[in-house]
Protein backbone atom coordinates (compact mmCIF):
# COMPACT_ATOMS: atom_id res chain seq x y z
CA MET A 1 -31.10 88.20 -12.68
CA ARG A 2 -31.80 90.94 -10.16
CA LYS A 3 -30.71 94.46 -11.08
CA LYS A 4 -28.10 95.85 -8.68
CA THR A 5 -28.21 99.33 -7.23
CA ARG A 6 -25.25 101.69 -7.40
CA VAL A 7 -24.66 101.13 -3.68
CA GLN A 8 -24.51 97.35 -4.14
CA VAL A 9 -22.10 97.71 -7.06
CA ALA A 10 -19.90 100.11 -5.04
CA LEU A 11 -19.89 97.72 -2.07
CA ALA A 12 -19.01 94.79 -4.30
CA THR A 13 -16.18 96.75 -5.92
CA ALA A 14 -14.81 97.76 -2.51
CA ALA A 15 -15.08 94.17 -1.27
CA VAL A 16 -13.13 92.86 -4.26
CA ALA A 17 -10.27 95.15 -3.26
CA ALA A 18 -10.37 93.93 0.35
CA PHE A 19 -10.09 90.16 0.17
CA GLY A 20 -7.32 87.63 -0.42
CA VAL A 21 -8.43 84.65 -2.52
CA ILE A 22 -10.91 86.59 -4.61
CA ASN A 23 -8.75 89.63 -5.25
CA ALA A 24 -5.45 87.79 -5.67
CA VAL A 25 -5.89 87.74 -9.43
CA PRO A 26 -6.85 91.02 -11.13
CA ALA A 27 -10.02 91.40 -13.12
CA ASP A 28 -9.88 91.24 -16.91
CA ALA A 29 -11.01 94.09 -19.18
CA ALA A 30 -14.66 93.12 -18.67
CA GLY A 31 -14.27 93.22 -14.88
CA THR A 32 -14.45 89.43 -14.46
CA ILE A 33 -12.18 87.76 -11.96
CA THR A 34 -11.03 84.26 -12.88
CA HIS A 35 -8.47 82.11 -11.11
CA ARG A 36 -7.56 78.71 -9.78
CA MET A 37 -8.09 78.01 -6.07
CA VAL A 38 -5.16 76.15 -4.51
CA ASN A 39 -5.39 74.31 -1.19
CA VAL A 40 -2.68 75.47 1.25
CA ASN A 41 -2.13 71.96 2.68
CA SER A 42 -1.94 69.93 -0.54
CA ASN A 43 -0.91 72.63 -3.03
CA LYS A 44 -3.50 71.13 -5.40
CA CYS A 45 -6.24 72.93 -7.32
CA LEU A 46 -9.97 72.72 -6.71
CA GLU A 47 -11.55 71.32 -9.85
CA ILE A 48 -14.52 69.60 -11.39
CA PRO A 49 -13.31 66.40 -13.10
CA LEU A 50 -12.94 66.75 -16.88
CA ASN A 51 -16.13 66.35 -18.88
CA HIS A 52 -18.24 66.31 -15.69
CA ASP A 53 -20.55 69.15 -16.68
CA TYR A 54 -23.68 67.69 -15.11
CA ASP A 55 -25.58 68.98 -12.07
CA GLY A 56 -24.12 67.29 -9.00
CA ALA A 57 -20.59 66.74 -10.33
CA PRO A 58 -18.23 66.62 -7.33
CA ALA A 59 -15.60 69.23 -6.55
CA GLN A 60 -12.23 67.64 -5.88
CA GLN A 61 -8.55 68.47 -5.63
CA TRP A 62 -6.06 67.57 -8.37
CA ASP A 63 -2.58 68.59 -9.49
CA CYS A 64 -2.81 72.10 -10.95
CA ASN A 65 -2.69 71.92 -14.75
CA GLY A 66 -4.28 75.17 -15.95
CA GLY A 67 -7.39 73.51 -17.37
CA ALA A 68 -10.73 75.26 -17.64
CA ASN A 69 -12.13 72.66 -15.21
CA GLN A 70 -9.77 74.19 -12.59
CA THR A 71 -10.67 77.78 -13.40
CA TRP A 72 -13.33 79.63 -11.41
CA ILE A 73 -15.21 82.77 -12.42
CA VAL A 74 -15.83 84.89 -9.33
CA GLU A 75 -18.97 87.01 -9.11
CA ALA A 76 -20.05 89.29 -6.28
CA ALA A 77 -23.27 88.41 -4.47
CA LEU A 78 -25.15 89.80 -1.50
CA GLY A 79 -25.30 87.12 1.20
CA PRO A 80 -28.43 86.27 3.19
CA ASP A 81 -27.36 88.57 6.04
CA ASN A 82 -26.35 91.37 3.63
CA ARG A 83 -22.66 90.50 3.97
CA GLN A 84 -20.47 90.44 0.89
CA ALA A 85 -20.45 86.96 -0.59
CA TRP A 86 -19.19 85.39 -3.81
CA THR A 87 -20.39 82.81 -6.27
CA LEU A 88 -17.77 80.63 -7.93
CA ARG A 89 -18.73 79.44 -11.42
CA ASN A 90 -16.62 76.74 -13.05
CA ALA A 91 -15.24 77.96 -16.39
CA GLU A 92 -15.64 74.59 -18.10
CA SER A 93 -19.11 73.56 -16.94
CA GLY A 94 -20.60 77.02 -16.29
CA LYS A 95 -22.09 75.65 -13.05
CA CYS A 96 -21.73 77.12 -9.54
CA LEU A 97 -19.91 75.65 -6.56
CA GLU A 98 -22.40 74.71 -3.85
CA VAL A 99 -23.02 72.61 -0.77
CA ALA A 100 -25.33 69.79 -1.83
CA ASP A 101 -29.04 70.01 -1.04
CA TRP A 102 -28.75 73.06 1.25
CA ARG A 103 -27.20 70.78 3.88
CA LYS A 104 -25.80 72.20 7.09
CA ASP A 105 -24.04 69.12 8.44
CA ALA A 106 -20.30 68.56 8.64
CA GLY A 107 -19.12 66.33 5.81
CA ALA A 108 -21.78 67.40 3.30
CA PRO A 109 -20.42 67.16 -0.26
CA VAL A 110 -19.40 70.21 -2.26
CA ARG A 111 -20.36 70.02 -5.93
CA VAL A 112 -21.47 72.11 -8.89
CA TRP A 113 -25.05 72.80 -9.90
CA GLN A 114 -26.94 75.13 -12.20
CA CYS A 115 -26.44 78.64 -10.78
CA THR A 116 -29.44 79.75 -8.72
CA GLY A 117 -28.03 82.53 -6.54
CA GLY A 118 -29.01 80.59 -3.40
CA ALA A 119 -27.09 80.92 -0.14
CA ASN A 120 -25.79 77.36 -0.57
CA GLN A 121 -23.94 78.68 -3.66
CA GLN A 122 -22.50 81.73 -1.89
CA TRP A 123 -19.11 81.85 -0.19
CA ILE A 124 -17.77 84.34 2.34
CA GLU A 125 -14.03 84.85 2.78
CA ALA A 126 -12.42 84.56 6.20
CA ILE A 127 -8.76 85.59 6.27
CA GLY A 128 -6.58 83.16 8.27
CA ARG A 129 -2.96 82.72 9.26
CA THR A 130 -1.78 80.95 6.12
CA GLY A 131 -4.57 81.52 3.64
CA THR A 132 -8.21 82.37 3.21
CA SER A 133 -11.06 80.10 4.22
CA LEU A 134 -14.27 80.08 2.20
CA LEU A 135 -17.35 79.77 4.41
CA ASN A 136 -20.66 78.71 2.93
CA ALA A 137 -23.26 81.46 3.43
CA ASN A 138 -26.00 78.91 4.15
CA SER A 139 -24.23 76.69 6.68
CA GLY A 140 -21.33 78.81 7.95
CA MET A 141 -19.03 75.83 7.38
CA ALA A 142 -15.69 75.90 5.58
CA LEU A 143 -14.73 74.46 2.20
CA ASP A 144 -12.52 71.55 3.33
CA ILE A 145 -10.29 68.82 1.93
CA PRO A 146 -10.93 66.05 4.47
CA GLY A 147 -8.20 64.50 6.59
CA PHE A 148 -5.50 66.86 5.30
CA SER A 149 -5.34 64.62 2.22
CA THR A 150 -2.74 65.38 -0.41
CA ALA A 151 -4.09 62.77 -2.84
CA ASN A 152 -5.53 63.59 -6.24
CA ASP A 153 -9.25 62.85 -6.59
CA THR A 154 -10.09 63.74 -2.96
CA ASP A 155 -13.62 65.16 -2.90
CA ALA A 156 -14.22 68.49 -1.16
CA VAL A 157 -16.72 68.72 1.71
CA GLN A 158 -17.86 71.33 4.16
CA TRP A 159 -16.62 71.09 7.74
CA TRP A 160 -16.60 73.09 10.95
CA PRO A 161 -14.21 76.04 10.59
CA LYS A 162 -10.91 75.48 12.42
CA GLY A 163 -10.24 77.31 15.67
CA ALA A 164 -7.40 79.80 16.16
CA ASN A 165 -5.00 77.15 17.54
CA GLU A 166 -5.84 74.33 15.12
CA PRO A 167 -3.93 73.49 11.93
CA ALA A 168 -6.15 74.84 9.16
CA GLY A 169 -4.30 74.32 5.86
CA ASN A 170 -6.88 71.87 4.55
CA GLN A 171 -9.50 74.66 4.82
CA GLN A 172 -7.35 77.47 3.47
CA TRP A 173 -6.94 78.51 -0.13
CA TYR A 174 -4.92 80.91 -2.24
CA ALA A 175 -5.36 82.04 -5.82
CA ARG A 176 -3.05 81.18 -8.66
């Protein structure tokens, strides 16, 4: 792991205080932020299915139940363009949320993989009307629940970020 300078730590600390989804739940005594990410449209939590702790396990939405598979550990990262970014590590599997295979196409699956620090595992917050979108630092696309689905077991994908006049709840998230 790369050693961070005082400036990087100060920027990360300031960024934590500035954003919605990431900062919605306070840090614990060790400074770690953990929370569940809830989709604005479905009101369901982003999770990795139980006992799916392998590289490539899909991220999906499911009724919020407080399980470790629905809990995400948030860590500050410096994005490829030196913007503040975040890695989201699943508390049950210990693996990071990523867009599969560094893909940049709409509809690419979102999954967990061994944490590498790559841009495909970094997420940038974009504050919206009803929630916060998470944009992948590699592709610029949003974490999305396709088709505005409200069904359990719907796999997350990346998709073009919604425009200002488009309904965006399936790409917006809040912390619980």
